[in-house]
């Protein structure tokens, strides 16, 4: 049916797959460009501990969570309350003052250091984010 083929008009030029893959690869941002992760050796262990004890809905005691955070390099004051399902990305970049309270489902995405002052309350589901990407560049470096 030659008539059918002649009636199809594709206005977009067809490029070889290699050209399309190069374009896609160039569009992806580089999340690690300039980011100082800190203690990458401990990062996998930290992630497993976080999934087990911090992201769990089970209310592990705050005393236990404070000790775990300190073991990973966080500076955590006396009497800090840490509710269930708290997500702290890099504990070694976190400082929390005495008697602060971190509510349920708080997410601290701390690419750069975060300091929570004494007697400060971070309410449920708050999102704290430090660090950013240079959106003016195609590969979005940190």
N, C-alpha and C. Protein backbone atom coordinates (compact mmCIF):
# COMPACT_ATOMS: atom_id res chain seq x y z
N UNK A 1 0.83 -1.18 0.00
CA UNK A 1 0.00 0.00 0.00
C UNK A 1 0.87 1.23 0.00
N UNK A 2 1.34 1.62 -1.16
CA UNK A 2 2.21 2.78 -1.25
C UNK A 2 1.51 4.08 -0.89
N UNK A 3 0.25 4.19 -1.11
CA UNK A 3 -0.47 5.41 -0.80
C UNK A 3 -0.46 5.73 0.69
N UNK A 4 -0.52 4.70 1.54
CA UNK A 4 -0.52 4.89 2.98
C UNK A 4 0.81 5.46 3.44
N UNK A 5 1.89 4.94 2.92
CA UNK A 5 3.21 5.41 3.33
C UNK A 5 3.43 6.86 2.93
N UNK A 6 2.96 7.26 1.80
CA UNK A 6 3.18 8.63 1.35
C UNK A 6 2.34 9.64 2.14
N UNK A 7 1.26 9.18 2.81
CA UNK A 7 0.43 10.11 3.55
C UNK A 7 0.96 10.39 4.96
N UNK A 8 1.96 9.64 5.43
CA UNK A 8 2.51 9.86 6.76
C UNK A 8 3.61 10.90 6.67
N UNK A 9 3.46 11.96 7.43
CA UNK A 9 4.44 13.04 7.40
C UNK A 9 5.02 13.19 8.81
N UNK A 10 6.29 12.93 8.94
CA UNK A 10 6.95 13.07 10.24
C UNK A 10 7.78 14.35 10.17
N UNK A 11 7.42 15.33 10.97
CA UNK A 11 8.12 16.61 10.91
C UNK A 11 9.42 16.60 11.72
N UNK A 12 9.60 15.60 12.60
CA UNK A 12 10.83 15.54 13.39
C UNK A 12 11.85 14.69 12.67
N UNK A 13 13.07 15.20 12.51
CA UNK A 13 14.10 14.38 11.86
C UNK A 13 14.47 13.21 12.77
N UNK A 14 14.73 12.09 12.16
CA UNK A 14 15.14 10.91 12.92
C UNK A 14 16.65 10.94 13.04
N UNK A 15 17.12 10.93 14.31
CA UNK A 15 18.56 10.94 14.55
C UNK A 15 19.02 9.55 14.97
N UNK A 16 20.27 9.24 14.69
CA UNK A 16 20.79 7.94 15.13
C UNK A 16 20.70 7.82 16.66
N UNK A 17 20.57 6.59 17.13
CA UNK A 17 20.44 6.34 18.57
C UNK A 17 21.64 6.89 19.33
N UNK A 18 22.83 6.79 18.79
CA UNK A 18 24.03 7.28 19.48
C UNK A 18 23.90 8.77 19.78
N UNK A 19 23.36 9.56 18.83
CA UNK A 19 23.17 11.00 19.07
C UNK A 19 22.19 11.24 20.20
N UNK A 20 21.09 10.47 20.20
CA UNK A 20 20.09 10.65 21.26
C UNK A 20 20.66 10.27 22.62
N UNK A 21 21.45 9.20 22.70
CA UNK A 21 22.03 8.78 23.98
C UNK A 21 23.01 9.82 24.50
N UNK A 22 23.81 10.42 23.61
CA UNK A 22 24.74 11.46 24.03
C UNK A 22 23.98 12.64 24.61
N UNK A 23 22.89 13.03 23.95
CA UNK A 23 22.10 14.14 24.44
C UNK A 23 21.52 13.83 25.80
N UNK A 24 20.98 12.63 26.00
CA UNK A 24 20.40 12.25 27.28
C UNK A 24 21.48 12.24 28.36
N UNK A 25 22.63 11.67 28.06
CA UNK A 25 23.72 11.62 29.02
C UNK A 25 24.15 13.03 29.42
N UNK A 26 24.19 13.96 28.50
CA UNK A 26 24.59 15.33 28.80
C UNK A 26 23.53 16.08 29.60
N UNK A 27 22.28 15.65 29.54
CA UNK A 27 21.22 16.32 30.28
C UNK A 27 21.19 15.92 31.75
N UNK A 28 21.80 14.79 32.09
CA UNK A 28 21.77 14.33 33.48
C UNK A 28 22.69 15.19 34.33
N UNK A 29 22.21 15.57 35.51
CA UNK A 29 23.06 16.35 36.39
C UNK A 29 23.99 15.44 37.16
N UNK A 30 25.11 15.97 37.59
CA UNK A 30 26.11 15.21 38.33
C UNK A 30 25.96 15.53 39.80
N UNK A 31 25.26 14.69 40.55
CA UNK A 31 24.97 14.96 41.96
C UNK A 31 26.22 15.01 42.82
N UNK A 32 27.29 14.37 42.40
CA UNK A 32 28.48 14.33 43.24
C UNK A 32 29.48 15.43 42.95
N UNK A 33 29.22 16.26 41.97
CA UNK A 33 30.17 17.29 41.56
C UNK A 33 30.33 18.35 42.66
N UNK A 34 31.41 18.27 43.42
CA UNK A 34 31.68 19.26 44.45
C UNK A 34 31.09 18.93 45.81
N UNK A 35 30.35 17.86 45.94
CA UNK A 35 29.73 17.51 47.22
C UNK A 35 30.74 16.77 48.08
N UNK A 36 30.98 17.29 49.27
CA UNK A 36 31.85 16.62 50.23
C UNK A 36 30.96 15.77 51.14
N UNK A 37 30.93 14.48 50.89
CA UNK A 37 30.05 13.59 51.65
C UNK A 37 30.55 13.39 53.07
N UNK A 38 31.79 13.64 53.32
CA UNK A 38 32.30 13.51 54.68
C UNK A 38 32.90 12.16 54.95
N UNK A 39 32.14 11.23 55.46
CA UNK A 39 32.66 9.93 55.89
C UNK A 39 32.06 8.81 55.04
N UNK A 40 32.43 8.76 53.79
CA UNK A 40 31.82 7.79 52.88
C UNK A 40 32.08 6.35 53.29
N UNK A 41 33.15 6.09 54.04
CA UNK A 41 33.45 4.73 54.47
C UNK A 41 32.33 4.20 55.38
N UNK A 42 31.81 5.05 56.24
CA UNK A 42 30.77 4.65 57.17
C UNK A 42 29.35 4.82 56.62
N UNK A 43 29.24 5.34 55.42
CA UNK A 43 27.92 5.70 54.91
C UNK A 43 26.97 4.51 54.78
N UNK A 44 27.45 3.36 54.30
CA UNK A 44 26.57 2.20 54.15
C UNK A 44 26.11 1.69 55.51
N UNK A 45 27.01 1.60 56.47
CA UNK A 45 26.63 1.18 57.81
C UNK A 45 25.63 2.16 58.41
N UNK A 46 25.88 3.44 58.23
CA UNK A 46 24.97 4.46 58.73
C UNK A 46 23.59 4.30 58.11
N UNK A 47 23.53 4.00 56.82
CA UNK A 47 22.25 3.83 56.15
C UNK A 47 21.47 2.65 56.73
N UNK A 48 22.17 1.54 56.97
CA UNK A 48 21.51 0.36 57.54
C UNK A 48 20.98 0.64 58.94
N UNK A 49 21.77 1.34 59.74
CA UNK A 49 21.33 1.69 61.10
C UNK A 49 20.14 2.65 61.03
N UNK A 50 20.21 3.61 60.12
CA UNK A 50 19.10 4.56 59.97
C UNK A 50 17.81 3.84 59.60
N UNK A 51 17.88 2.92 58.66
CA UNK A 51 16.67 2.19 58.25
C UNK A 51 16.13 1.34 59.40
N UNK A 52 17.00 0.79 60.20
CA UNK A 52 16.58 -0.10 61.28
C UNK A 52 16.00 0.63 62.48
N UNK A 53 16.63 1.73 62.87
CA UNK A 53 16.27 2.35 64.14
C UNK A 53 15.65 3.75 64.04
N UNK A 54 15.94 4.48 62.97
CA UNK A 54 15.43 5.85 62.87
C UNK A 54 14.18 5.93 61.99
N UNK A 55 14.17 5.23 60.88
CA UNK A 55 13.02 5.29 59.97
C UNK A 55 11.91 4.34 60.39
N UNK A 56 12.16 3.54 61.36
CA UNK A 56 11.17 2.61 61.88
C UNK A 56 10.05 3.35 62.62
N UNK A 57 8.81 2.87 62.51
CA UNK A 57 7.73 3.47 63.30
C UNK A 57 7.78 3.06 64.77
N UNK A 58 8.60 2.05 65.09
CA UNK A 58 8.73 1.62 66.48
C UNK A 58 9.44 2.72 67.28
N UNK A 59 8.90 3.08 68.44
CA UNK A 59 9.49 4.20 69.21
C UNK A 59 10.72 3.78 70.03
N UNK A 60 11.85 3.61 69.34
CA UNK A 60 13.09 3.33 70.07
C UNK A 60 13.38 4.51 71.00
N UNK A 61 13.94 4.27 72.18
CA UNK A 61 14.19 5.36 73.13
C UNK A 61 15.13 6.42 72.56
N UNK A 62 14.84 7.67 72.89
CA UNK A 62 15.69 8.78 72.43
C UNK A 62 17.11 8.63 72.94
N UNK A 63 17.27 8.10 74.13
CA UNK A 63 18.62 7.90 74.69
C UNK A 63 19.45 7.00 73.75
N UNK A 64 18.82 5.95 73.25
CA UNK A 64 19.49 5.05 72.31
C UNK A 64 19.84 5.78 71.02
N UNK A 65 18.88 6.54 70.48
CA UNK A 65 19.12 7.26 69.22
C UNK A 65 20.20 8.31 69.37
N UNK A 66 20.24 9.00 70.52
CA UNK A 66 21.31 9.98 70.76
C UNK A 66 22.67 9.29 70.73
N UNK A 67 22.76 8.13 71.37
CA UNK A 67 24.03 7.39 71.40
C UNK A 67 24.46 6.95 70.00
N UNK A 68 23.50 6.50 69.19
CA UNK A 68 23.81 6.09 67.82
C UNK A 68 24.30 7.28 67.01
N UNK A 69 23.61 8.41 67.12
CA UNK A 69 24.04 9.61 66.37
C UNK A 69 25.45 10.03 66.79
N UNK A 70 25.72 10.00 68.08
CA UNK A 70 27.07 10.36 68.56
C UNK A 70 28.11 9.40 68.00
N UNK A 71 27.77 8.11 67.92
CA UNK A 71 28.70 7.11 67.39
C UNK A 71 29.06 7.40 65.94
N UNK A 72 28.15 8.04 65.20
CA UNK A 72 28.41 8.41 63.81
C UNK A 72 28.92 9.84 63.66
N UNK A 73 29.26 10.47 64.77
CA UNK A 73 29.92 11.78 64.70
C UNK A 73 29.05 12.99 64.94
N UNK A 74 27.77 12.80 65.22
CA UNK A 74 26.89 13.95 65.50
C UNK A 74 27.21 14.50 66.89
N UNK A 75 27.00 15.78 67.06
CA UNK A 75 27.11 16.41 68.38
C UNK A 75 25.68 16.59 68.88
N UNK A 76 25.31 15.79 69.86
CA UNK A 76 23.93 15.78 70.36
C UNK A 76 23.95 16.09 71.86
N UNK A 77 23.20 17.10 72.24
CA UNK A 77 23.16 17.54 73.64
C UNK A 77 22.34 16.64 74.54
N UNK A 78 22.26 17.04 75.80
CA UNK A 78 21.51 16.29 76.81
C UNK A 78 20.01 16.44 76.57
N UNK A 79 19.28 15.37 76.86
CA UNK A 79 17.82 15.41 76.85
C UNK A 79 17.16 15.63 75.50
N UNK A 80 17.87 15.42 74.41
CA UNK A 80 17.29 15.59 73.07
C UNK A 80 16.28 14.48 72.83
N UNK A 81 15.10 14.85 72.36
CA UNK A 81 14.04 13.88 72.03
C UNK A 81 14.03 13.70 70.52
N UNK A 82 14.09 12.44 70.09
CA UNK A 82 14.06 12.12 68.66
C UNK A 82 12.92 11.12 68.45
N UNK A 83 11.88 11.59 67.80
CA UNK A 83 10.68 10.78 67.58
C UNK A 83 10.92 9.76 66.45
N UNK A 84 9.97 8.83 66.24
CA UNK A 84 10.12 7.82 65.18
C UNK A 84 10.11 8.43 63.78
N UNK A 85 10.67 7.68 62.87
CA UNK A 85 10.73 7.97 61.43
C UNK A 85 11.45 9.27 61.09
N UNK A 86 12.50 9.58 61.85
CA UNK A 86 13.32 10.75 61.57
C UNK A 86 14.43 10.33 60.61
N UNK A 87 14.60 11.08 59.53
CA UNK A 87 15.58 10.77 58.50
C UNK A 87 16.70 11.82 58.53
N UNK A 88 17.86 11.43 59.01
CA UNK A 88 19.03 12.31 59.07
C UNK A 88 20.03 11.78 58.06
N UNK A 89 20.31 12.58 57.04
CA UNK A 89 21.13 12.11 55.92
C UNK A 89 22.58 11.86 56.32
N UNK A 90 23.26 12.84 56.86
CA UNK A 90 24.66 12.72 57.27
C UNK A 90 24.79 13.09 58.74
N UNK A 91 24.74 12.13 59.67
CA UNK A 91 24.80 12.47 61.09
C UNK A 91 26.08 13.22 61.47
N UNK A 92 27.18 12.96 60.80
CA UNK A 92 28.44 13.62 61.12
C UNK A 92 28.42 15.10 60.76
N UNK A 93 27.36 15.56 60.12
CA UNK A 93 27.21 16.98 59.82
C UNK A 93 26.04 17.59 60.60
N UNK A 94 25.73 17.02 61.78
CA UNK A 94 24.60 17.46 62.57
C UNK A 94 25.04 17.81 63.99
N UNK A 95 24.54 18.94 64.49
CA UNK A 95 24.73 19.34 65.88
C UNK A 95 23.36 19.71 66.44
N UNK A 96 23.02 19.15 67.61
CA UNK A 96 21.73 19.41 68.24
C UNK A 96 21.99 19.83 69.68
N UNK A 97 21.44 20.98 70.07
CA UNK A 97 21.63 21.50 71.42
C UNK A 97 20.80 20.76 72.47
N UNK A 98 21.09 21.05 73.73
CA UNK A 98 20.42 20.41 74.86
C UNK A 98 18.90 20.60 74.80
N UNK A 99 18.19 19.55 75.12
CA UNK A 99 16.73 19.54 75.28
C UNK A 99 15.96 19.98 74.03
N UNK A 100 16.55 19.77 72.85
CA UNK A 100 15.83 20.02 71.60
C UNK A 100 14.90 18.84 71.34
N UNK A 101 13.95 19.04 70.45
CA UNK A 101 12.95 18.03 70.13
C UNK A 101 12.84 17.93 68.62
N UNK A 102 13.00 16.71 68.10
CA UNK A 102 12.89 16.48 66.66
C UNK A 102 11.68 15.59 66.43
N UNK A 103 10.66 16.14 65.80
CA UNK A 103 9.36 15.49 65.66
C UNK A 103 9.34 14.34 64.67
N UNK A 104 8.23 13.63 64.69
CA UNK A 104 8.05 12.47 63.85
C UNK A 104 8.11 12.84 62.37
N UNK A 105 8.79 12.00 61.60
CA UNK A 105 8.95 12.14 60.15
C UNK A 105 9.70 13.39 59.71
N UNK A 106 10.52 13.96 60.57
CA UNK A 106 11.38 15.08 60.16
C UNK A 106 12.45 14.53 59.22
N UNK A 107 12.74 15.28 58.16
CA UNK A 107 13.78 14.89 57.20
C UNK A 107 14.84 15.98 57.22
N UNK A 108 16.05 15.61 57.60
CA UNK A 108 17.18 16.55 57.60
C UNK A 108 18.15 16.11 56.51
N UNK A 109 18.08 16.79 55.37
CA UNK A 109 18.95 16.51 54.23
C UNK A 109 20.13 17.46 54.33
N UNK A 110 21.11 17.08 55.13
CA UNK A 110 22.20 17.98 55.49
C UNK A 110 23.46 17.71 54.66
N UNK A 111 23.46 18.20 53.44
CA UNK A 111 24.67 18.14 52.63
C UNK A 111 25.75 19.05 53.22
N UNK A 112 25.34 20.06 53.90
CA UNK A 112 26.22 20.96 54.65
C UNK A 112 25.80 20.87 56.12
N UNK A 113 26.65 21.31 57.05
CA UNK A 113 26.34 21.18 58.48
C UNK A 113 25.02 21.86 58.88
N UNK A 114 24.29 21.20 59.77
CA UNK A 114 23.05 21.72 60.33
C UNK A 114 23.23 21.79 61.84
N UNK A 115 22.87 22.94 62.41
CA UNK A 115 22.90 23.11 63.86
C UNK A 115 21.50 23.45 64.32
N UNK A 116 20.98 22.64 65.22
CA UNK A 116 19.69 22.88 65.85
C UNK A 116 19.99 23.34 67.27
N UNK A 117 19.54 24.52 67.62
CA UNK A 117 19.87 25.12 68.90
C UNK A 117 19.22 24.42 70.09
N UNK A 118 19.67 24.80 71.29
CA UNK A 118 19.09 24.21 72.50
C UNK A 118 17.62 24.60 72.65
N UNK A 119 16.83 23.69 73.16
CA UNK A 119 15.41 23.87 73.42
C UNK A 119 14.62 24.25 72.17
N UNK A 120 15.12 23.83 71.02
CA UNK A 120 14.44 24.09 69.74
C UNK A 120 13.53 22.91 69.42
N UNK A 121 12.38 23.20 68.83
CA UNK A 121 11.43 22.16 68.43
C UNK A 121 11.31 22.16 66.91
N UNK A 122 11.65 21.04 66.29
CA UNK A 122 11.45 20.85 64.86
C UNK A 122 10.18 20.01 64.73
N UNK A 123 9.15 20.59 64.20
CA UNK A 123 7.83 19.96 64.19
C UNK A 123 7.75 18.79 63.21
N UNK A 124 6.70 17.99 63.37
CA UNK A 124 6.49 16.81 62.55
C UNK A 124 6.53 17.15 61.06
N UNK A 125 7.15 16.26 60.33
CA UNK A 125 7.25 16.32 58.86
C UNK A 125 7.95 17.56 58.32
N UNK A 126 8.73 18.24 59.15
CA UNK A 126 9.52 19.37 58.66
C UNK A 126 10.63 18.83 57.76
N UNK A 127 11.01 19.63 56.78
CA UNK A 127 12.08 19.26 55.85
C UNK A 127 13.15 20.33 55.92
N UNK A 128 14.34 19.97 56.40
CA UNK A 128 15.47 20.88 56.45
C UNK A 128 16.48 20.44 55.40
N UNK A 129 16.86 21.34 54.51
CA UNK A 129 17.78 20.99 53.44
C UNK A 129 18.87 22.04 53.35
N UNK A 130 20.11 21.59 53.36
CA UNK A 130 21.24 22.49 53.17
C UNK A 130 22.01 22.04 51.93
N UNK A 131 22.55 22.98 51.23
CA UNK A 131 23.25 22.68 49.98
C UNK A 131 22.28 22.82 48.82
N UNK A 132 22.82 23.05 47.64
CA UNK A 132 22.00 23.25 46.47
C UNK A 132 22.82 22.95 45.23
N UNK A 133 22.19 23.00 44.11
CA UNK A 133 22.85 22.79 42.83
C UNK A 133 22.83 24.09 42.04
N UNK A 134 23.84 24.27 41.19
CA UNK A 134 23.89 25.44 40.31
C UNK A 134 22.98 25.17 39.12
N UNK A 135 21.75 25.66 39.20
CA UNK A 135 20.76 25.40 38.17
C UNK A 135 21.08 26.08 36.84
N UNK A 136 22.03 27.01 36.84
CA UNK A 136 22.36 27.72 35.60
C UNK A 136 23.27 26.88 34.68
N UNK A 137 23.77 25.76 35.19
CA UNK A 137 24.64 24.89 34.38
C UNK A 137 23.90 23.58 34.09
N UNK A 138 24.06 23.07 32.89
CA UNK A 138 23.30 21.89 32.45
C UNK A 138 23.54 20.67 33.32
N UNK A 139 24.76 20.47 33.82
CA UNK A 139 25.03 19.28 34.64
C UNK A 139 24.77 19.52 36.13
N UNK A 140 24.28 20.69 36.48
CA UNK A 140 23.85 21.07 37.84
C UNK A 140 24.85 20.66 38.93
N UNK A 141 26.07 21.21 38.89
CA UNK A 141 27.03 20.85 39.94
C UNK A 141 26.57 21.32 41.30
N UNK A 142 27.07 20.67 42.33
CA UNK A 142 26.73 21.04 43.69
C UNK A 142 27.28 22.41 44.00
